C-alpha atoms as a PDB file:
ATOM      1  CA  UNK A   1     107.820 107.416 158.523  1.00  0.00           C
ATOM      2  CA  UNK A   2     106.702 110.907 157.523  1.00  0.00           C
ATOM      3  CA  UNK A   3     109.075 113.864 158.008  1.00  0.00           C
ATOM      4  CA  UNK A   4     107.823 117.160 159.346  1.00  0.00           C
ATOM      5  CA  UNK A   5     108.728 120.471 157.691  1.00  0.00           C
ATOM      6  CA  UNK A   6     111.795 122.136 159.200  1.00  0.00           C
ATOM      7  CA  UNK A   7     111.270 124.988 161.652  1.00  0.00           C
ATOM      8  CA  UNK A   8     114.760 126.457 162.054  1.00  0.00           C
ATOM      9  CA  UNK A   9     117.996 126.680 160.043  1.00  0.00           C
ATOM     10  CA  UNK A  10     119.835 124.635 162.701  1.00  0.00           C
ATOM     11  CA  UNK A  11     117.746 121.564 162.161  1.00  0.00           C
ATOM     12  CA  UNK A  12     118.784 118.669 160.032  1.00  0.00           C
ATOM     13  CA  UNK A  13     116.655 116.856 157.482  1.00  0.00           C
ATOM     14  CA  UNK A  14     116.332 113.235 156.409  1.00  0.00           C
ATOM     15  CA  UNK A  15     117.008 111.714 159.782  1.00  0.00           C
ATOM     16  CA  UNK A  16     120.106 113.783 160.455  1.00  0.00           C
ATOM     17  CA  UNK A  17     121.906 112.737 157.317  1.00  0.00           C
ATOM     18  CA  UNK A  18     121.935 116.209 155.755  1.00  0.00           C
ATOM     19  CA  UNK A  19     122.204 119.698 157.262  1.00  0.00           C
ATOM     20  CA  UNK A  20     119.323 122.066 156.542  1.00  0.00           C
ATOM     21  CA  UNK A  21     121.532 124.111 154.229  1.00  0.00           C
ATOM     22  CA  UNK A  22     121.641 121.086 151.922  1.00  0.00           C
ATOM     23  CA  UNK A  23     118.006 120.211 152.226  1.00  0.00           C
ATOM     24  CA  UNK A  24     115.275 122.758 152.964  1.00  0.00           C
ATOM     25  CA  UNK A  25     112.517 120.176 152.767  1.00  0.00           C
ATOM     26  CA  UNK A  26     112.121 116.518 152.070  1.00  0.00           C
ATOM     27  CA  UNK A  27     111.267 117.318 148.442  1.00  0.00           C
ATOM     28  CA  UNK A  28     114.699 118.699 147.548  1.00  0.00           C
ATOM     29  CA  UNK A  29     116.374 115.341 148.156  1.00  0.00           C
ATOM     30  CA  UNK A  30     113.588 113.455 146.438  1.00  0.00           C
ATOM     31  CA  UNK A  31     113.848 115.732 143.387  1.00  0.00           C
ATOM     32  CA  UNK A  32     117.269 114.321 142.525  1.00  0.00           C
ATOM     33  CA  UNK A  33     116.027 110.801 141.852  1.00  0.00           C
ATOM     34  CA  UNK A  34     113.136 112.199 139.797  1.00  0.00           C
ATOM     35  CA  UNK A  35     115.530 114.230 137.666  1.00  0.00           C
ATOM     36  CA  UNK A  36     117.834 111.246 137.300  1.00  0.00           C
ATOM     37  CA  UNK A  37     114.855 109.061 136.345  1.00  0.00           C
ATOM     38  CA  UNK A  38     113.789 111.661 133.754  1.00  0.00           C
ATOM     39  CA  UNK A  39     117.273 111.719 132.219  1.00  0.00           C
ATOM     40  CA  UNK A  40     117.432 107.907 132.062  1.00  0.00           C
ATOM     41  CA  UNK A  41     113.928 107.830 130.580  1.00  0.00           C
ATOM     42  CA  UNK A  42     114.866 110.385 127.932  1.00  0.00           C
ATOM     43  CA  UNK A  43     118.016 108.418 127.039  1.00  0.00           C
ATOM     44  CA  UNK A  44     115.953 105.230 126.726  1.00  0.00           C
ATOM     45  CA  UNK A  45     113.433 107.012 124.463  1.00  0.00           C
ATOM     46  CA  UNK A  46     116.210 108.316 122.176  1.00  0.00           C
ATOM     47  CA  UNK A  47     117.841 104.880 121.907  1.00  0.00           C
ATOM     48  CA  UNK A  48     114.531 103.178 121.086  1.00  0.00           C
ATOM     49  CA  UNK A  49     113.787 105.853 118.482  1.00  0.00           C
ATOM     50  CA  UNK A  50     117.141 105.322 116.790  1.00  0.00           C
ATOM     51  CA  UNK A  51     116.636 101.568 116.641  1.00  0.00           C
ATOM     52  CA  UNK A  52     113.233 102.195 115.048  1.00  0.00           C
ATOM     53  CA  UNK A  53     114.832 104.188 112.252  1.00  0.00           C
ATOM     54  CA  UNK A  54     116.495 101.118 110.767  1.00  0.00           C
ATOM     55  CA  UNK A  55     115.317  99.025 107.839  1.00  0.00           C
ATOM     56  CA  UNK A  56     111.730  97.994 108.552  1.00  0.00           C
ATOM     57  CA  UNK A  57     111.525  95.212 105.984  1.00  0.00           C
ATOM     58  CA  UNK A  58     111.917  94.508 102.300  1.00  0.00           C
ATOM     59  CA  UNK A  59     111.562  97.361  99.816  1.00  0.00           C
ATOM     60  CA  UNK A  60     108.088  97.502  98.239  1.00  0.00           C
ATOM     61  CA  UNK A  61     106.827  98.943  94.945  1.00  0.00           C
ATOM     62  CA  UNK A  62     103.286  99.357  93.564  1.00  0.00           C
ATOM     63  CA  UNK A  63     102.234  96.718  91.015  1.00  0.00           C
ATOM     64  CA  UNK A  64      99.120  96.707  88.819  1.00  0.00           C
ATOM     65  CA  UNK A  65      98.106  94.660  85.828  1.00  0.00           C
ATOM     66  CA  UNK A  66      95.540  92.690  83.886  1.00  0.00           C
ATOM     67  CA  UNK A  67      94.883  88.979  83.389  1.00  0.00           C
ATOM     68  CA  UNK A  68      93.630  87.683  80.032  1.00  0.00           C
ATOM     69  CA  UNK A  69      92.381  84.157  79.383  1.00  0.00           C
ATOM     70  CA  UNK A  70      92.111  83.078  75.752  1.00  0.00           C
ATOM     71  CA  UNK A  71      92.504  86.742  74.733  1.00  0.00           C
ATOM     72  CA  UNK A  72      89.650  88.064  76.939  1.00  0.00           C
ATOM     73  CA  UNK A  73      89.868  89.713  80.370  1.00  0.00           C
ATOM     74  CA  UNK A  74      89.378  87.247  83.216  1.00  0.00           C
ATOM     75  CA  UNK A  75      86.346  88.690  85.028  1.00  0.00           C
ATOM     76  CA  UNK A  76      87.259  87.516  88.562  1.00  0.00           C
ATOM     77  CA  UNK A  77      89.883  85.579  90.468  1.00  0.00           C
ATOM     78  CA  UNK A  78      93.106  86.235  92.316  1.00  0.00           C
ATOM     79  CA  UNK A  79      96.775  86.996  91.667  1.00  0.00           C
ATOM     80  CA  UNK A  80      99.591  86.243  94.120  1.00  0.00           C
ATOM     81  CA  UNK A  81     103.285  87.192  93.966  1.00  0.00           C
ATOM     82  CA  UNK A  82     105.930  85.486  96.112  1.00  0.00           C
ATOM     83  CA  UNK A  83     109.468  86.839  96.438  1.00  0.00           C
ATOM     84  CA  UNK A  84     112.388  84.869  97.844  1.00  0.00           C
ATOM     85  CA  UNK A  85     111.970  86.805 101.108  1.00  0.00           C
ATOM     86  CA  UNK A  86     108.984  88.331 102.821  1.00  0.00           C
ATOM     87  CA  UNK A  87     105.313  87.599 102.742  1.00  0.00           C
ATOM     88  CA  UNK A  88     103.288  87.151  99.546  1.00  0.00           C
ATOM     89  CA  UNK A  89     101.441  89.962  97.795  1.00  0.00           C
ATOM     90  CA  UNK A  90      97.816  89.477  96.772  1.00  0.00           C
ATOM     91  CA  UNK A  91      95.397  91.083  94.372  1.00  0.00           C
ATOM     92  CA  UNK A  92      91.767  90.537  93.422  1.00  0.00           C
ATOM     93  CA  UNK A  93      90.917  90.449  89.727  1.00  0.00           C
ATOM     94  CA  UNK A  94      88.012  92.786  88.877  1.00  0.00           C
ATOM     95  CA  UNK A  95      85.408  92.482  86.102  1.00  0.00           C
ATOM     96  CA  UNK A  96      87.847  94.013  83.549  1.00  0.00           C
ATOM     97  CA  UNK A  97      90.610  91.558  84.456  1.00  0.00           C
ATOM     98  CA  UNK A  98      92.554  94.263  86.314  1.00  0.00           C
ATOM     99  CA  UNK A  99      94.270  93.933  89.690  1.00  0.00           C
ATOM    100  CA  UNK A 100      96.570  95.780  92.071  1.00  0.00           C
ATOM    101  CA  UNK A 101      98.746  94.100  94.668  1.00  0.00           C
ATOM    102  CA  UNK A 102      98.716  94.476  98.433  1.00  0.00           C
ATOM    103  CA  UNK A 103     101.178  93.002 100.926  1.00  0.00           C
ATOM    104  CA  UNK A 104     100.738  94.809 104.247  1.00  0.00           C
ATOM    105  CA  UNK A 105      98.557  97.828 103.532  1.00  0.00           C
ATOM    106  CA  UNK A 106      96.123  98.442 100.702  1.00  0.00           C
ATOM    107  CA  UNK A 107      97.934  99.014  97.387  1.00  0.00           C
ATOM    108  CA  UNK A 108     101.481  98.954  98.798  1.00  0.00           C
ATOM    109  CA  UNK A 109     102.495  96.522  96.048  1.00  0.00           C
ATOM    110  CA  UNK A 110     105.014  93.703  96.051  1.00  0.00           C
ATOM    111  CA  UNK A 111     108.562  93.091  97.233  1.00  0.00           C
ATOM    112  CA  UNK A 112     111.163  94.540  94.852  1.00  0.00           C
ATOM    113  CA  UNK A 113     113.080  91.877  92.929  1.00  0.00           C
ATOM    114  CA  UNK A 114     112.178  88.537  91.352  1.00  0.00           C
ATOM    115  CA  UNK A 115     108.693  87.241  92.176  1.00  0.00           C
ATOM    116  CA  UNK A 116     106.988  84.003  91.265  1.00  0.00           C
ATOM    117  CA  UNK A 117     103.356  84.413  90.223  1.00  0.00           C
ATOM    118  CA  UNK A 118     100.248  82.274  90.559  1.00  0.00           C
ATOM    119  CA  UNK A 119      96.729  83.034  89.354  1.00  0.00           C
ATOM    120  CA  UNK A 120      93.440  81.496  90.442  1.00  0.00           C
ATOM    121  CA  UNK A 121      89.943  81.588  89.010  1.00  0.00           C
ATOM    122  CA  UNK A 122      87.400  79.323  90.702  1.00  0.00           C
ATOM    123  CA  UNK A 123      83.618  79.530  90.415  1.00  0.00           C
ATOM    124  CA  UNK A 124      83.530  80.369  94.120  1.00  0.00           C
ATOM    125  CA  UNK A 125      85.591  83.531  93.549  1.00  0.00           C
ATOM    126  CA  UNK A 126      82.869  85.013  91.339  1.00  0.00           C
ATOM    127  CA  UNK A 127      81.376  87.997  93.211  1.00  0.00           C
ATOM    128  CA  UNK A 128      77.947  87.033  91.828  1.00  0.00           C
ATOM    129  CA  UNK A 129      78.126  83.631  93.543  1.00  0.00           C
ATOM    130  CA  UNK A 130      79.087  85.209  96.864  1.00  0.00           C
ATOM    131  CA  UNK A 131      75.827  87.130  97.289  1.00  0.00           C
ATOM    132  CA  UNK A 132      74.123  84.275  99.145  1.00  0.00           C
ATOM    133  CA  UNK A 133      75.827  84.455 102.546  1.00  0.00           C
ATOM    134  CA  UNK A 134      73.796  81.545 103.936  1.00  0.00           C
ATOM    135  CA  UNK A 135      75.349  79.072 101.492  1.00  0.00           C
ATOM    136  CA  UNK A 136      78.438  77.071 102.421  1.00  0.00           C
ATOM    137  CA  UNK A 137      81.631  78.588 101.009  1.00  0.00           C
ATOM    138  CA  UNK A 138      83.272  76.460  98.311  1.00  0.00           C
ATOM    139  CA  UNK A 139      85.885  77.193  95.672  1.00  0.00           C
ATOM    140  CA  UNK A 140      83.937  75.181  93.127  1.00  0.00           C
ATOM    141  CA  UNK A 141      85.181  74.376  89.664  1.00  0.00           C
ATOM    142  CA  UNK A 142      88.546  75.683  88.443  1.00  0.00           C
ATOM    143  CA  UNK A 143      88.001  77.839  85.333  1.00  0.00           C
ATOM    144  CA  UNK A 144      91.619  78.156  84.109  1.00  0.00           C
ATOM    145  CA  UNK A 145      94.317  75.498  83.593  1.00  0.00           C
ATOM    146  CA  UNK A 146      95.520  74.082  86.943  1.00  0.00           C
ATOM    147  CA  UNK A 147      99.183  74.838  86.224  1.00  0.00           C
ATOM    148  CA  UNK A 148      98.594  78.588  86.786  1.00  0.00           C
ATOM    149  CA  UNK A 149      97.403  78.000  90.367  1.00  0.00           C
ATOM    150  CA  UNK A 150     100.822  76.954  91.733  1.00  0.00           C
ATOM    151  CA  UNK A 151     104.052  78.961  91.888  1.00  0.00           C
ATOM    152  CA  UNK A 152     106.042  75.865  90.937  1.00  0.00           C
ATOM    153  CA  UNK A 153     104.072  75.119  87.746  1.00  0.00           C
ATOM    154  CA  UNK A 154     102.813  78.473  86.452  1.00  0.00           C
ATOM    155  CA  UNK A 155     106.125  79.440  84.808  1.00  0.00           C
ATOM    156  CA  UNK A 156     105.151  83.053  85.518  1.00  0.00           C
ATOM    157  CA  UNK A 157     107.792  85.336  87.030  1.00  0.00           C
ATOM    158  CA  UNK A 158     108.054  89.101  87.300  1.00  0.00           C
ATOM    159  CA  UNK A 159     110.922  91.408  88.180  1.00  0.00           C
ATOM    160  CA  UNK A 160     109.433  94.160  90.374  1.00  0.00           C
ATOM    161  CA  UNK A 161     111.440  97.382  90.010  1.00  0.00           C
ATOM    162  CA  UNK A 162     111.965  99.861  92.853  1.00  0.00           C
ATOM    163  CA  UNK A 163     110.746 102.746  90.710  1.00  0.00           C
ATOM    164  CA  UNK A 164     107.561 102.944  88.667  1.00  0.00           C
ATOM    165  CA  UNK A 165     106.447  99.588  87.221  1.00  0.00           C
ATOM    166  CA  UNK A 166     104.467  99.426  83.984  1.00  0.00           C
ATOM    167  CA  UNK A 167     101.098  97.634  84.276  1.00  0.00           C
ATOM    168  CA  UNK A 168     101.630  93.908  83.736  1.00  0.00           C
ATOM    169  CA  UNK A 169      99.624  91.728  81.347  1.00  0.00           C
ATOM    170  CA  UNK A 170      99.356  87.984  81.974  1.00  0.00           C
ATOM    171  CA  UNK A 171      98.012  86.093  78.971  1.00  0.00           C
ATOM    172  CA  UNK A 172      96.806  82.653  80.004  1.00  0.00           C
ATOM    173  CA  UNK A 173      96.213  79.943  77.413  1.00  0.00           C
END
């Protein structure tokens, strides 16, 4: 039911519930709920913002390093760190044996604290062997001792510090 604008000060608005002095048009009464809705909305926004300011996950720190095998830089492969909490960090070994770790975003590092380490180097990880995109993907032959490929057998651990970490060097035998 649509209300008509009021013609005289003696009329009432909103079906006789309010005198004209309280309500010049239908919009005055409807403005109250809009203002109340705006205040509730603003309160909700502030509360959600405050909740978002809490701890967003484990503390991270940048980690870089180099992997050597029999005294020479490993020219490709992968490095993975696993802390007691959170997701693993990964890095790709470049042609000089160097790597940097990423967990969520590129180069963000690893979780601060104790981390177990595993290193892989399979023929299939060689960038030269990945040029033929029509070939079936296979890891191929393992080029380092198998024990380094598992957290439980590598015997490699690192304490990641919250401040600046020195580049790591892993010497595989």
